[in-house]
C-alpha atoms as a PDB file:
ATOM      1  CA  MET A   1      95.790  80.002  67.526  1.00  0.00           C
ATOM      2  CA  ASN A   2      92.153  79.211  66.791  1.00  0.00           C
ATOM      3  CA  LYS A   3      92.723  78.366  63.082  1.00  0.00           C
ATOM      4  CA  MET A   4      95.374  75.797  63.794  1.00  0.00           C
ATOM      5  CA  LYS A   5      93.363  74.315  66.599  1.00  0.00           C
ATOM      6  CA  GLU A   6      90.375  74.117  64.205  1.00  0.00           C
ATOM      7  CA  ILE A   7      92.367  72.389  61.525  1.00  0.00           C
ATOM      8  CA  LEU A   8      93.923  69.828  63.937  1.00  0.00           C
ATOM      9  CA  SER A   9      90.592  69.120  65.546  1.00  0.00           C
ATOM     10  CA  HIS A  10      89.697  66.998  62.436  1.00  0.00           C
ATOM     11  CA  SER A  11      92.919  65.108  62.613  1.00  0.00           C
ATOM     12  CA  GLY A  12      92.104  62.813  65.591  1.00  0.00           C
ATOM     13  CA  SER A  13      94.959  61.060  67.085  1.00  0.00           C
ATOM     14  CA  ALA A  14      97.396  62.206  64.331  1.00  0.00           C
ATOM     15  CA  GLU A  15      97.962  65.692  65.859  1.00  0.00           C
ATOM     16  CA  MET A  16     101.537  64.910  67.210  1.00  0.00           C
ATOM     17  CA  MET A  17     102.456  63.183  63.960  1.00  0.00           C
ATOM     18  CA  ILE A  18     101.383  66.340  61.911  1.00  0.00           C
ATOM     19  CA  ILE A  19     103.363  68.590  64.217  1.00  0.00           C
ATOM     20  CA  TYR A  20     106.391  66.406  64.189  1.00  0.00           C
ATOM     21  CA  TYR A  21     106.189  66.277  60.335  1.00  0.00           C
ATOM     22  CA  MET A  22     105.910  70.109  60.211  1.00  0.00           C
ATOM     23  CA  LEU A  23     109.014  70.570  62.414  1.00  0.00           C
ATOM     24  CA  ASP A  24     110.881  67.936  60.558  1.00  0.00           C
ATOM     25  CA  LYS A  25     110.246  69.271  57.089  1.00  0.00           C
ATOM     26  CA  GLY A  26     110.153  72.963  57.992  1.00  0.00           C
ATOM     27  CA  ILE A  27     107.137  75.200  57.878  1.00  0.00           C
ATOM     28  CA  GLU A  28     108.376  77.255  54.962  1.00  0.00           C
ATOM     29  CA  ASN A  29     109.255  74.161  52.933  1.00  0.00           C
ATOM     30  CA  LEU A  30     105.727  72.810  53.329  1.00  0.00           C
ATOM     31  CA  LYS A  31     104.254  75.872  51.530  1.00  0.00           C
ATOM     32  CA  SER A  32     105.701  74.773  48.218  1.00  0.00           C
ATOM     33  CA  ILE A  33     104.330  71.247  48.368  1.00  0.00           C
ATOM     34  CA  THR A  34     101.503  70.641  45.840  1.00  0.00           C
ATOM     35  CA  GLU A  35      98.661  68.074  45.761  1.00  0.00           C
ATOM     36  CA  ASP A  36     100.603  66.208  43.121  1.00  0.00           C
ATOM     37  CA  ASP A  37     103.609  66.009  45.481  1.00  0.00           C
ATOM     38  CA  ILE A  38     101.288  64.752  48.249  1.00  0.00           C
ATOM     39  CA  LYS A  39      99.923  62.003  45.864  1.00  0.00           C
ATOM     40  CA  THR A  40     103.497  60.533  45.650  1.00  0.00           C
ATOM     41  CA  VAL A  41     103.720  60.010  49.413  1.00  0.00           C
ATOM     42  CA  ARG A  42     103.689  56.282  50.126  1.00  0.00           C
ATOM     43  CA  GLY A  43     102.651  54.372  53.224  1.00  0.00           C
ATOM     44  CA  ASN A  44     104.875  52.053  55.236  1.00  0.00           C
ATOM     45  CA  GLY A  45     104.510  49.042  57.443  1.00  0.00           C
ATOM     46  CA  LEU A  46     102.690  50.976  60.167  1.00  0.00           C
ATOM     47  CA  MET A  47     100.570  53.527  58.183  1.00  0.00           C
ATOM     48  CA  THR A  48      98.527  53.312  55.021  1.00  0.00           C
ATOM     49  CA  GLU A  49      99.281  55.460  51.995  1.00  0.00           C
ATOM     50  CA  GLU A  50      96.074  57.422  52.632  1.00  0.00           C
ATOM     51  CA  PHE A  51      97.005  58.151  56.191  1.00  0.00           C
ATOM     52  CA  CYS A  52     100.525  59.359  55.434  1.00  0.00           C
ATOM     53  CA  GLN A  53      99.117  61.610  52.642  1.00  0.00           C
ATOM     54  CA  SER A  54      96.529  62.966  55.065  1.00  0.00           C
ATOM     55  CA  ILE A  55      99.367  63.921  57.543  1.00  0.00           C
ATOM     56  CA  VAL A  56     101.235  65.770  54.748  1.00  0.00           C
ATOM     57  CA  ARG A  57      98.102  67.350  53.463  1.00  0.00           C
ATOM     58  CA  THR A  58      97.118  68.654  56.848  1.00  0.00           C
ATOM     59  CA  ALA A  59     100.649  69.946  57.592  1.00  0.00           C
ATOM     60  CA  VAL A  60     100.663  71.790  54.257  1.00  0.00           C
ATOM     61  CA  ARG A  61      97.272  73.341  54.959  1.00  0.00           C
ATOM     62  CA  ILE A  62      98.420  74.619  58.415  1.00  0.00           C
ATOM     63  CA  ALA A  63     101.575  76.011  56.903  1.00  0.00           C
ATOM     64  CA  ASN A  64      99.643  77.837  54.212  1.00  0.00           C
ATOM     65  CA  GLU A  65      96.722  79.043  56.369  1.00  0.00           C
ATOM     66  CA  CYS A  66      98.429  79.878  59.664  1.00  0.00           C
ATOM     67  CA  ASP A  67     101.110  82.320  60.563  1.00  0.00           C
ATOM     68  CA  THR A  68     104.322  80.801  61.691  1.00  0.00           C
ATOM     69  CA  HIS A  69     104.096  82.623  65.010  1.00  0.00           C
ATOM     70  CA  GLU A  70     100.733  81.094  65.586  1.00  0.00           C
ATOM     71  CA  ILE A  71     102.025  77.546  64.741  1.00  0.00           C
ATOM     72  CA  LEU A  72     104.913  77.915  67.189  1.00  0.00           C
ATOM     73  CA  GLN A  73     102.656  79.387  69.879  1.00  0.00           C
ATOM     74  CA  TYR A  74     100.185  76.489  69.508  1.00  0.00           C
ATOM     75  CA  ILE A  75     103.032  73.904  69.727  1.00  0.00           C
ATOM     76  CA  ARG A  76     104.419  75.577  72.780  1.00  0.00           C
ATOM     77  CA  CYS A  77     101.106  76.217  74.669  1.00  0.00           C
ATOM     78  CA  GLU A  78      98.803  73.551  73.512  1.00  0.00           C
ATOM     79  CA  ALA A  79     100.537  70.479  72.066  1.00  0.00           C
ATOM     80  CA  TRP A  80     103.343  69.854  74.460  1.00  0.00           C
ATOM     81  CA  PHE A  81     103.508  69.495  78.182  1.00  0.00           C
ATOM     82  CA  THR A  82     104.380  72.043  80.767  1.00  0.00           C
ATOM     83  CA  PRO A  83     108.058  71.430  81.559  1.00  0.00           C
ATOM     84  CA  ALA A  84     109.653  71.282  84.963  1.00  0.00           C
ATOM     85  CA  VAL A  85     113.362  71.115  85.466  1.00  0.00           C
ATOM     86  CA  LYS A  86     114.571  68.539  87.944  1.00  0.00           C
ATOM     87  CA  GLU A  87     118.029  68.112  89.232  1.00  0.00           C
ATOM     88  CA  ILE A  88     120.052  65.135  90.596  1.00  0.00           C
ATOM     89  CA  GLU A  89     123.563  65.078  92.015  1.00  0.00           C
ATOM     90  CA  ILE A  90     125.786  62.073  91.642  1.00  0.00           C
ATOM     91  CA  CYS A  91     129.015  61.540  93.512  1.00  0.00           C
ATOM     92  CA  LYS A  92     131.854  59.185  92.521  1.00  0.00           C
ATOM     93  CA  ALA A  93     132.148  58.032  96.151  1.00  0.00           C
ATOM     94  CA  VAL A  94     128.739  56.317  96.114  1.00  0.00           C
ATOM     95  CA  ARG A  95     129.233  54.405  92.828  1.00  0.00           C
ATOM     96  CA  SER A  96     131.535  51.626  91.910  1.00  0.00           C
ATOM     97  CA  ASN A  97     134.441  52.481  89.710  1.00  0.00           C
ATOM     98  CA  TYR A  98     133.063  50.580  86.880  1.00  0.00           C
ATOM     99  CA  SER A  99     129.576  52.337  87.064  1.00  0.00           C
ATOM    100  CA  TRP A 100     131.233  55.744  87.449  1.00  0.00           C
ATOM    101  CA  GLU A 101     133.291  55.180  84.325  1.00  0.00           C
ATOM    102  CA  TYR A 102     130.352  53.992  82.370  1.00  0.00           C
ATOM    103  CA  LEU A 103     128.309  56.998  83.422  1.00  0.00           C
ATOM    104  CA  CYS A 104     131.143  59.432  82.584  1.00  0.00           C
ATOM    105  CA  ASN A 105     131.691  57.751  79.151  1.00  0.00           C
ATOM    106  CA  GLU A 106     128.005  58.021  78.397  1.00  0.00           C
ATOM    107  CA  MET A 107     128.093  61.723  79.292  1.00  0.00           C
ATOM    108  CA  ASP A 108     131.324  62.114  77.266  1.00  0.00           C
ATOM    109  CA  VAL A 109     133.272  63.244  80.353  1.00  0.00           C
ATOM    110  CA  ASP A 110     136.691  61.844  81.444  1.00  0.00           C
ATOM    111  CA  PRO A 111     136.107  59.945  84.648  1.00  0.00           C
ATOM    112  CA  GLU A 112     139.547  61.258  85.946  1.00  0.00           C
ATOM    113  CA  GLU A 113     138.567  64.869  85.595  1.00  0.00           C
ATOM    114  CA  THR A 114     135.611  64.894  87.925  1.00  0.00           C
ATOM    115  CA  ASP A 115     134.234  63.057  90.994  1.00  0.00           C
ATOM    116  CA  TYR A 116     130.828  64.874  91.061  1.00  0.00           C
ATOM    117  CA  MET A 117     128.047  65.482  88.548  1.00  0.00           C
ATOM    118  CA  LYS A 118     124.954  67.654  88.678  1.00  0.00           C
ATOM    119  CA  LEU A 119     122.434  66.605  86.057  1.00  0.00           C
ATOM    120  CA  LYS A 120     119.385  68.676  85.045  1.00  0.00           C
ATOM    121  CA  PHE A 121     116.490  67.083  83.106  1.00  0.00           C
ATOM    122  CA  ILE A 122     113.005  68.222  82.006  1.00  0.00           C
ATOM    123  CA  VAL A 123     110.003  66.290  82.997  1.00  0.00           C
ATOM    124  CA  GLU A 124     106.306  66.793  82.563  1.00  0.00           C
ATOM    125  CA  GLU A 125     104.864  68.749  85.398  1.00  0.00           C
ATOM    126  CA  LEU A 126     101.764  67.099  86.882  1.00  0.00           C
END
């Protein structure tokens, strides 16, 4: 984990962008990207060309220098929050018919099939 941490320590506030890019493109796919490929990366309205290329360059370096297990362990243990599962219960009786139907439709559930929902969601543990 130390190698990835060392590489990312030079990335400043771009750490999560680099991790997202790695997960989006695939760690194994990044290993075949060359410097010539990186030079074709363009900027956008929010980020300069140099910044975008730096993100790709760092992601490629991590993919080539770090073991996949090490990368995933860093993401799980260092980069993301400690999750906690919270639970809420919703009953049809305490909601208007319109709001119950709307909620059921958003959850892709037939409002006529149930009059009770238990929802679990993940939050950052403080």
